[in-house]
């Protein structure tokens, strides 16, 4: 009787250890897989922002001031942003931000949602209160992206930024791109197969331990 209890205890301990190890490996693989996807999506966003920024001339932005939203100059830039954005269905918004390094402020210069969505678009000079302030200012030196999705007064997004340089190579403004948080999350959580594999592995190990335990019990000598 003592030998049987000892054997059962060993099997239970072995099963627990196996579950813990397989669960840990599954969680590690799932995390790494999604981390790779997040890096790929962020890199793609930064590349898209960088390419689009090269298509905007700083000269087309100079002189824009609050109230100029219906001018030919503003509408032409907004239309160009919309045309480029339309090539990627996941992009919700493209806009241009002017930054002031003196007081570390950022304000909108052009929003491609205007004039199609006047109430949902930012106006010239409107402060950008996005939590991505660090990334926006870092974009003065090169493409950046949100570290994680964020929520502001416009909604929940993942964004990328790239510098718009003038003819002298100096950064005049920042181009911003938004994708929805839902689309971003959907694009970076494709590891369901890893979880399924982990569950199947646990079932197989437990089944093997159960069969082994039954076989051992049957082969054990009976007490007289």
C-alpha atoms as a PDB file:
ATOM      1  CA  UNK A   1       0.000   0.000   0.000  1.00  0.00           C
ATOM      2  CA  UNK A   2       2.833   2.366   0.911  1.00  0.00           C
ATOM      3  CA  UNK A   3       4.642   1.556  -2.327  1.00  0.00           C
ATOM      4  CA  UNK A   4       1.483   2.295  -4.361  1.00  0.00           C
ATOM      5  CA  UNK A   5       0.946   5.664  -2.646  1.00  0.00           C
ATOM      6  CA  UNK A   6       4.610   6.557  -3.170  1.00  0.00           C
ATOM      7  CA  UNK A   7       4.325   5.650  -6.856  1.00  0.00           C
ATOM      8  CA  UNK A   8       1.145   7.726  -7.279  1.00  0.00           C
ATOM      9  CA  UNK A   9       2.763  10.683  -5.559  1.00  0.00           C
ATOM     10  CA  UNK A  10       5.731  10.504  -7.921  1.00  0.00           C
ATOM     11  CA  UNK A  11       3.409  10.463 -10.931  1.00  0.00           C
ATOM     12  CA  UNK A  12       1.478  13.478  -9.642  1.00  0.00           C
ATOM     13  CA  UNK A  13       4.679  15.424  -8.995  1.00  0.00           C
ATOM     14  CA  UNK A  14       5.992  14.477 -12.445  1.00  0.00           C
ATOM     15  CA  UNK A  15       2.718  15.608 -14.031  1.00  0.00           C
ATOM     16  CA  UNK A  16       2.833  18.960 -12.228  1.00  0.00           C
ATOM     17  CA  UNK A  17       6.445  19.542 -13.268  1.00  0.00           C
ATOM     18  CA  UNK A  18       5.623  18.659 -16.872  1.00  0.00           C
ATOM     19  CA  UNK A  19       2.646  21.055 -16.908  1.00  0.00           C
ATOM     20  CA  UNK A  20       4.737  23.868 -15.455  1.00  0.00           C
ATOM     21  CA  UNK A  21       7.591  23.347 -17.931  1.00  0.00           C
ATOM     22  CA  UNK A  22       5.337  23.068 -20.979  1.00  0.00           C
ATOM     23  CA  UNK A  23       3.271  26.090 -19.879  1.00  0.00           C
ATOM     24  CA  UNK A  24       6.402  28.167 -19.365  1.00  0.00           C
ATOM     25  CA  UNK A  25       7.820  27.195 -22.758  1.00  0.00           C
ATOM     26  CA  UNK A  26       4.476  27.908 -24.425  1.00  0.00           C
ATOM     27  CA  UNK A  27       4.211  31.337 -22.791  1.00  0.00           C
ATOM     28  CA  UNK A  28       7.806  32.127 -23.789  1.00  0.00           C
ATOM     29  CA  UNK A  29       7.219  31.121 -27.419  1.00  0.00           C
ATOM     30  CA  UNK A  30       3.920  33.052 -27.551  1.00  0.00           C
ATOM     31  CA  UNK A  31       5.556  36.184 -26.134  1.00  0.00           C
ATOM     32  CA  UNK A  32       8.503  36.015 -28.526  1.00  0.00           C
ATOM     33  CA  UNK A  33       6.250  35.408 -31.512  1.00  0.00           C
ATOM     34  CA  UNK A  34       4.072  38.409 -30.728  1.00  0.00           C
ATOM     35  CA  UNK A  35       7.107  40.562 -29.949  1.00  0.00           C
ATOM     36  CA  UNK A  36       8.467  39.776 -33.411  1.00  0.00           C
ATOM     37  CA  UNK A  37       5.127  40.692 -34.959  1.00  0.00           C
ATOM     38  CA  UNK A  38       5.030  43.974 -33.036  1.00  0.00           C
ATOM     39  CA  UNK A  39       8.533  44.838 -34.226  1.00  0.00           C
ATOM     40  CA  UNK A  40       7.577  44.031 -37.808  1.00  0.00           C
ATOM     41  CA  UNK A  41       4.416  46.151 -37.693  1.00  0.00           C
ATOM     42  CA  UNK A  42       6.243  49.093 -36.105  1.00  0.00           C
ATOM     43  CA  UNK A  43       9.016  48.876 -38.685  1.00  0.00           C
ATOM     44  CA  UNK A  44       6.460  48.783 -41.474  1.00  0.00           C
ATOM     45  CA  UNK A  45       4.686  51.849 -40.118  1.00  0.00           C
ATOM     46  CA  UNK A  46       7.944  53.764 -39.766  1.00  0.00           C
ATOM     47  CA  UNK A  47       8.974  52.854 -43.304  1.00  0.00           C
ATOM     48  CA  UNK A  48       5.617  53.983 -44.681  1.00  0.00           C
ATOM     49  CA  UNK A  49       5.807  57.283 -42.802  1.00  0.00           C
ATOM     50  CA  UNK A  50       9.364  57.835 -43.990  1.00  0.00           C
ATOM     51  CA  UNK A  51       8.493  57.280 -47.644  1.00  0.00           C
ATOM     52  CA  UNK A  52       5.400  59.497 -47.463  1.00  0.00           C
ATOM     53  CA  UNK A  53       7.367  62.269 -45.755  1.00  0.00           C
ATOM     54  CA  UNK A  54       9.776  62.442 -48.704  1.00  0.00           C
ATOM     55  CA  UNK A  55       6.829  63.208 -50.986  1.00  0.00           C
ATOM     56  CA  UNK A  56       5.855  66.349 -49.065  1.00  0.00           C
ATOM     57  CA  UNK A  57       7.692  69.565 -49.858  1.00  0.00           C
ATOM     58  CA  UNK A  58       8.418  71.912 -46.985  1.00  0.00           C
ATOM     59  CA  UNK A  59       7.777  74.793 -49.399  1.00  0.00           C
ATOM     60  CA  UNK A  60       4.152  73.654 -49.711  1.00  0.00           C
ATOM     61  CA  UNK A  61       3.742  74.085 -45.954  1.00  0.00           C
ATOM     62  CA  UNK A  62       5.426  77.416 -45.402  1.00  0.00           C
ATOM     63  CA  UNK A  63       3.139  80.311 -44.630  1.00  0.00           C
ATOM     64  CA  UNK A  64       0.175  78.211 -43.489  1.00  0.00           C
ATOM     65  CA  UNK A  65      -1.547  79.868 -40.538  1.00  0.00           C
ATOM     66  CA  UNK A  66      -4.756  79.326 -38.542  1.00  0.00           C
ATOM     67  CA  UNK A  67      -7.781  79.878 -40.753  1.00  0.00           C
ATOM     68  CA  UNK A  68      -6.075  78.705 -43.954  1.00  0.00           C
ATOM     69  CA  UNK A  69      -7.837  75.319 -44.005  1.00  0.00           C
ATOM     70  CA  UNK A  70      -9.856  76.216 -47.122  1.00  0.00           C
ATOM     71  CA  UNK A  71      -7.003  77.737 -49.091  1.00  0.00           C
ATOM     72  CA  UNK A  72      -5.730  76.097 -52.268  1.00  0.00           C
ATOM     73  CA  UNK A  73      -2.339  75.557 -50.603  1.00  0.00           C
ATOM     74  CA  UNK A  74      -3.766  73.654 -47.620  1.00  0.00           C
ATOM     75  CA  UNK A  75      -6.276  71.605 -49.626  1.00  0.00           C
ATOM     76  CA  UNK A  76      -3.598  70.516 -52.096  1.00  0.00           C
ATOM     77  CA  UNK A  77      -1.379  69.134 -49.302  1.00  0.00           C
ATOM     78  CA  UNK A  78      -4.344  67.433 -47.579  1.00  0.00           C
ATOM     79  CA  UNK A  79      -5.375  65.835 -50.867  1.00  0.00           C
ATOM     80  CA  UNK A  80      -1.844  64.555 -51.435  1.00  0.00           C
ATOM     81  CA  UNK A  81      -1.779  63.003 -47.964  1.00  0.00           C
ATOM     82  CA  UNK A  82      -5.157  61.306 -48.605  1.00  0.00           C
ATOM     83  CA  UNK A  83      -3.961  59.930 -51.936  1.00  0.00           C
ATOM     84  CA  UNK A  84      -0.891  58.350 -50.347  1.00  0.00           C
ATOM     85  CA  UNK A  85      -2.850  57.090 -47.333  1.00  0.00           C
ATOM     86  CA  UNK A  86      -5.419  55.421 -49.604  1.00  0.00           C
ATOM     87  CA  UNK A  87      -2.728  52.967 -50.739  1.00  0.00           C
ATOM     88  CA  UNK A  88      -2.801  51.326 -47.301  1.00  0.00           C
ATOM     89  CA  UNK A  89      -6.249  50.298 -46.038  1.00  0.00           C
ATOM     90  CA  UNK A  90      -5.096  50.115 -42.426  1.00  0.00           C
ATOM     91  CA  UNK A  91      -4.111  53.787 -42.233  1.00  0.00           C
ATOM     92  CA  UNK A  92      -6.832  55.908 -40.625  1.00  0.00           C
ATOM     93  CA  UNK A  93      -5.242  59.320 -40.773  1.00  0.00           C
ATOM     94  CA  UNK A  94      -2.228  61.177 -42.125  1.00  0.00           C
ATOM     95  CA  UNK A  95      -1.274  64.578 -40.786  1.00  0.00           C
ATOM     96  CA  UNK A  96       1.564  67.050 -40.448  1.00  0.00           C
ATOM     97  CA  UNK A  97       2.775  68.438 -37.131  1.00  0.00           C
ATOM     98  CA  UNK A  98       4.856  71.538 -36.510  1.00  0.00           C
ATOM     99  CA  UNK A  99       7.064  71.330 -33.446  1.00  0.00           C
ATOM    100  CA  UNK A 100       8.623  74.085 -31.397  1.00  0.00           C
ATOM    101  CA  UNK A 101      11.793  72.956 -29.670  1.00  0.00           C
ATOM    102  CA  UNK A 102      11.933  76.155 -27.640  1.00  0.00           C
ATOM    103  CA  UNK A 103       8.891  75.371 -25.509  1.00  0.00           C
ATOM    104  CA  UNK A 104       8.647  71.674 -26.519  1.00  0.00           C
ATOM    105  CA  UNK A 105       5.183  72.145 -27.998  1.00  0.00           C
ATOM    106  CA  UNK A 106       3.600  70.472 -31.008  1.00  0.00           C
ATOM    107  CA  UNK A 107       0.639  71.645 -33.076  1.00  0.00           C
ATOM    108  CA  UNK A 108      -1.148  70.424 -36.173  1.00  0.00           C
ATOM    109  CA  UNK A 109      -0.388  72.004 -39.522  1.00  0.00           C
ATOM    110  CA  UNK A 110      -2.336  69.814 -41.984  1.00  0.00           C
ATOM    111  CA  UNK A 111      -4.895  67.060 -41.354  1.00  0.00           C
ATOM    112  CA  UNK A 112      -5.925  64.930 -44.323  1.00  0.00           C
ATOM    113  CA  UNK A 113      -9.387  64.353 -42.829  1.00  0.00           C
ATOM    114  CA  UNK A 114     -10.193  67.990 -43.633  1.00  0.00           C
ATOM    115  CA  UNK A 115     -12.461  68.965 -45.356  1.00  0.00           C
ATOM    116  CA  UNK A 116     -14.065  65.503 -45.574  1.00  0.00           C
ATOM    117  CA  UNK A 117     -14.586  65.309 -41.808  1.00  0.00           C
ATOM    118  CA  UNK A 118     -14.430  68.852 -40.378  1.00  0.00           C
ATOM    119  CA  UNK A 119     -15.562  67.848 -36.878  1.00  0.00           C
ATOM    120  CA  UNK A 120     -13.135  64.937 -36.693  1.00  0.00           C
ATOM    121  CA  UNK A 121     -10.051  66.727 -37.985  1.00  0.00           C
ATOM    122  CA  UNK A 122      -7.503  68.988 -36.339  1.00  0.00           C
ATOM    123  CA  UNK A 123      -7.173  72.627 -37.390  1.00  0.00           C
ATOM    124  CA  UNK A 124      -4.028  74.611 -38.055  1.00  0.00           C
ATOM    125  CA  UNK A 125      -2.360  75.550 -34.790  1.00  0.00           C
ATOM    126  CA  UNK A 126      -4.390  73.130 -32.664  1.00  0.00           C
ATOM    127  CA  UNK A 127      -2.194  71.626 -29.955  1.00  0.00           C
ATOM    128  CA  UNK A 128      -1.245  67.988 -30.329  1.00  0.00           C
ATOM    129  CA  UNK A 129      -1.853  66.437 -26.908  1.00  0.00           C
ATOM    130  CA  UNK A 130      -0.919  62.898 -27.916  1.00  0.00           C
ATOM    131  CA  UNK A 131       0.952  60.827 -25.296  1.00  0.00           C
ATOM    132  CA  UNK A 132       3.491  60.227 -28.095  1.00  0.00           C
ATOM    133  CA  UNK A 133       5.207  63.562 -27.469  1.00  0.00           C
ATOM    134  CA  UNK A 134       8.614  61.934 -27.000  1.00  0.00           C
ATOM    135  CA  UNK A 135       8.313  60.007 -30.262  1.00  0.00           C
ATOM    136  CA  UNK A 136       7.148  63.128 -32.115  1.00  0.00           C
ATOM    137  CA  UNK A 137      10.222  65.091 -31.067  1.00  0.00           C
ATOM    138  CA  UNK A 138      12.524  62.136 -31.698  1.00  0.00           C
ATOM    139  CA  UNK A 139      11.160  62.099 -35.257  1.00  0.00           C
ATOM    140  CA  UNK A 140      13.091  65.322 -35.868  1.00  0.00           C
ATOM    141  CA  UNK A 141      16.083  63.005 -36.339  1.00  0.00           C
ATOM    142  CA  UNK A 142      14.422  60.038 -38.031  1.00  0.00           C
ATOM    143  CA  UNK A 143      11.328  57.784 -38.208  1.00  0.00           C
ATOM    144  CA  UNK A 144       9.776  56.725 -34.900  1.00  0.00           C
ATOM    145  CA  UNK A 145       6.680  54.843 -33.734  1.00  0.00           C
ATOM    146  CA  UNK A 146       4.515  54.563 -30.638  1.00  0.00           C
ATOM    147  CA  UNK A 147       5.997  52.067 -28.175  1.00  0.00           C
ATOM    148  CA  UNK A 148       2.466  50.841 -27.391  1.00  0.00           C
ATOM    149  CA  UNK A 149      -1.056  51.839 -28.481  1.00  0.00           C
ATOM    150  CA  UNK A 150      -2.353  54.985 -26.793  1.00  0.00           C
ATOM    151  CA  UNK A 151      -5.657  56.779 -26.301  1.00  0.00           C
ATOM    152  CA  UNK A 152      -6.282  60.489 -26.742  1.00  0.00           C
ATOM    153  CA  UNK A 153      -9.278  62.696 -27.470  1.00  0.00           C
ATOM    154  CA  UNK A 154      -9.489  61.322 -31.019  1.00  0.00           C
ATOM    155  CA  UNK A 155      -9.514  57.626 -30.132  1.00  0.00           C
ATOM    156  CA  UNK A 156      -7.088  54.738 -29.597  1.00  0.00           C
ATOM    157  CA  UNK A 157      -4.202  54.413 -32.028  1.00  0.00           C
ATOM    158  CA  UNK A 158      -0.747  53.199 -32.896  1.00  0.00           C
ATOM    159  CA  UNK A 159       1.213  55.900 -34.708  1.00  0.00           C
ATOM    160  CA  UNK A 160       4.398  56.444 -36.694  1.00  0.00           C
ATOM    161  CA  UNK A 161       6.255  59.668 -37.408  1.00  0.00           C
ATOM    162  CA  UNK A 162       8.899  60.834 -39.895  1.00  0.00           C
ATOM    163  CA  UNK A 163      10.679  64.120 -40.599  1.00  0.00           C
ATOM    164  CA  UNK A 164       9.768  66.393 -43.505  1.00  0.00           C
ATOM    165  CA  UNK A 165      12.991  68.105 -44.526  1.00  0.00           C
ATOM    166  CA  UNK A 166      13.465  71.329 -46.453  1.00  0.00           C
ATOM    167  CA  UNK A 167      15.920  71.803 -49.318  1.00  0.00           C
ATOM    168  CA  UNK A 168      18.781  72.431 -46.889  1.00  0.00           C
ATOM    169  CA  UNK A 169      18.245  69.110 -45.113  1.00  0.00           C
ATOM    170  CA  UNK A 170      16.773  70.637 -41.969  1.00  0.00           C
ATOM    171  CA  UNK A 171      13.544  69.209 -40.550  1.00  0.00           C
ATOM    172  CA  UNK A 172      10.660  71.611 -41.127  1.00  0.00           C
ATOM    173  CA  UNK A 173       7.759  69.483 -39.839  1.00  0.00           C
ATOM    174  CA  UNK A 174       6.759  65.946 -38.835  1.00  0.00           C
ATOM    175  CA  UNK A 175       4.503  63.595 -40.768  1.00  0.00           C
ATOM    176  CA  UNK A 176       2.229  61.404 -38.625  1.00  0.00           C
ATOM    177  CA  UNK A 177       0.266  58.258 -39.475  1.00  0.00           C
ATOM    178  CA  UNK A 178      -2.382  56.504 -37.376  1.00  0.00           C
ATOM    179  CA  UNK A 179      -3.707  52.956 -37.388  1.00  0.00           C
ATOM    180  CA  UNK A 180      -6.445  51.840 -35.025  1.00  0.00           C
ATOM    181  CA  UNK A 181      -5.497  50.026 -31.847  1.00  0.00           C
ATOM    182  CA  UNK A 182      -7.821  47.149 -32.807  1.00  0.00           C
ATOM    183  CA  UNK A 183      -6.086  46.642 -36.170  1.00  0.00           C
ATOM    184  CA  UNK A 184      -2.679  46.836 -34.497  1.00  0.00           C
ATOM    185  CA  UNK A 185      -3.601  44.265 -31.843  1.00  0.00           C
ATOM    186  CA  UNK A 186      -5.118  41.969 -34.488  1.00  0.00           C
ATOM    187  CA  UNK A 187      -1.900  42.185 -36.508  1.00  0.00           C
ATOM    188  CA  UNK A 188       0.354  41.371 -33.572  1.00  0.00           C
ATOM    189  CA  UNK A 189      -1.438  38.484 -31.819  1.00  0.00           C
ATOM    190  CA  UNK A 190      -1.243  35.601 -34.286  1.00  0.00           C
ATOM    191  CA  UNK A 191       0.175  33.022 -31.893  1.00  0.00           C
ATOM    192  CA  UNK A 192      -2.969  30.969 -31.225  1.00  0.00           C
ATOM    193  CA  UNK A 193      -1.315  27.911 -32.788  1.00  0.00           C
ATOM    194  CA  UNK A 194       1.417  28.103 -30.139  1.00  0.00           C
ATOM    195  CA  UNK A 195      -1.161  27.934 -27.342  1.00  0.00           C
ATOM    196  CA  UNK A 196      -2.947  25.034 -29.043  1.00  0.00           C
ATOM    197  CA  UNK A 197       0.365  23.190 -29.412  1.00  0.00           C
ATOM    198  CA  UNK A 198       1.096  23.727 -25.726  1.00  0.00           C
ATOM    199  CA  UNK A 199      -2.304  22.387 -24.670  1.00  0.00           C
ATOM    200  CA  UNK A 200      -1.959  19.339 -26.923  1.00  0.00           C
ATOM    201  CA  UNK A 201       1.512  18.678 -25.483  1.00  0.00           C
ATOM    202  CA  UNK A 202       0.157  18.789 -21.935  1.00  0.00           C
ATOM    203  CA  UNK A 203      -2.653  16.370 -22.843  1.00  0.00           C
ATOM    204  CA  UNK A 204      -0.187  13.961 -24.482  1.00  0.00           C
ATOM    205  CA  UNK A 205       2.188  14.034 -21.495  1.00  0.00           C
ATOM    206  CA  UNK A 206      -0.618  13.519 -18.970  1.00  0.00           C
ATOM    207  CA  UNK A 207      -2.048  10.673 -21.047  1.00  0.00           C
ATOM    208  CA  UNK A 208       1.372   9.024 -21.260  1.00  0.00           C
ATOM    209  CA  UNK A 209       1.875   9.344 -17.492  1.00  0.00           C
ATOM    210  CA  UNK A 210      -1.582   7.913 -16.841  1.00  0.00           C
ATOM    211  CA  UNK A 211      -0.947   4.905 -19.124  1.00  0.00           C
ATOM    212  CA  UNK A 212       2.494   4.381 -17.604  1.00  0.00           C
ATOM    213  CA  UNK A 213       1.026   4.548 -14.096  1.00  0.00           C
ATOM    214  CA  UNK A 214      -1.692   2.025 -14.902  1.00  0.00           C
ATOM    215  CA  UNK A 215       0.812  -0.327 -16.464  1.00  0.00           C
ATOM    216  CA  UNK A 216       3.155  -0.058 -13.478  1.00  0.00           C
ATOM    217  CA  UNK A 217       0.313  -0.741 -11.028  1.00  0.00           C
ATOM    218  CA  UNK A 218      -0.705  -3.846 -12.954  1.00  0.00           C
ATOM    219  CA  UNK A 219       2.872  -5.152 -13.004  1.00  0.00           C
ATOM    220  CA  UNK A 220       3.515  -4.442  -9.297  1.00  0.00           C
ATOM    221  CA  UNK A 221       3.576  -7.609  -7.086  1.00  0.00           C
ATOM    222  CA  UNK A 222       0.527  -7.936  -4.864  1.00  0.00           C
ATOM    223  CA  UNK A 223       1.048  -7.950  -1.121  1.00  0.00           C
ATOM    224  CA  UNK A 224       0.487 -11.467   0.427  1.00  0.00           C
END
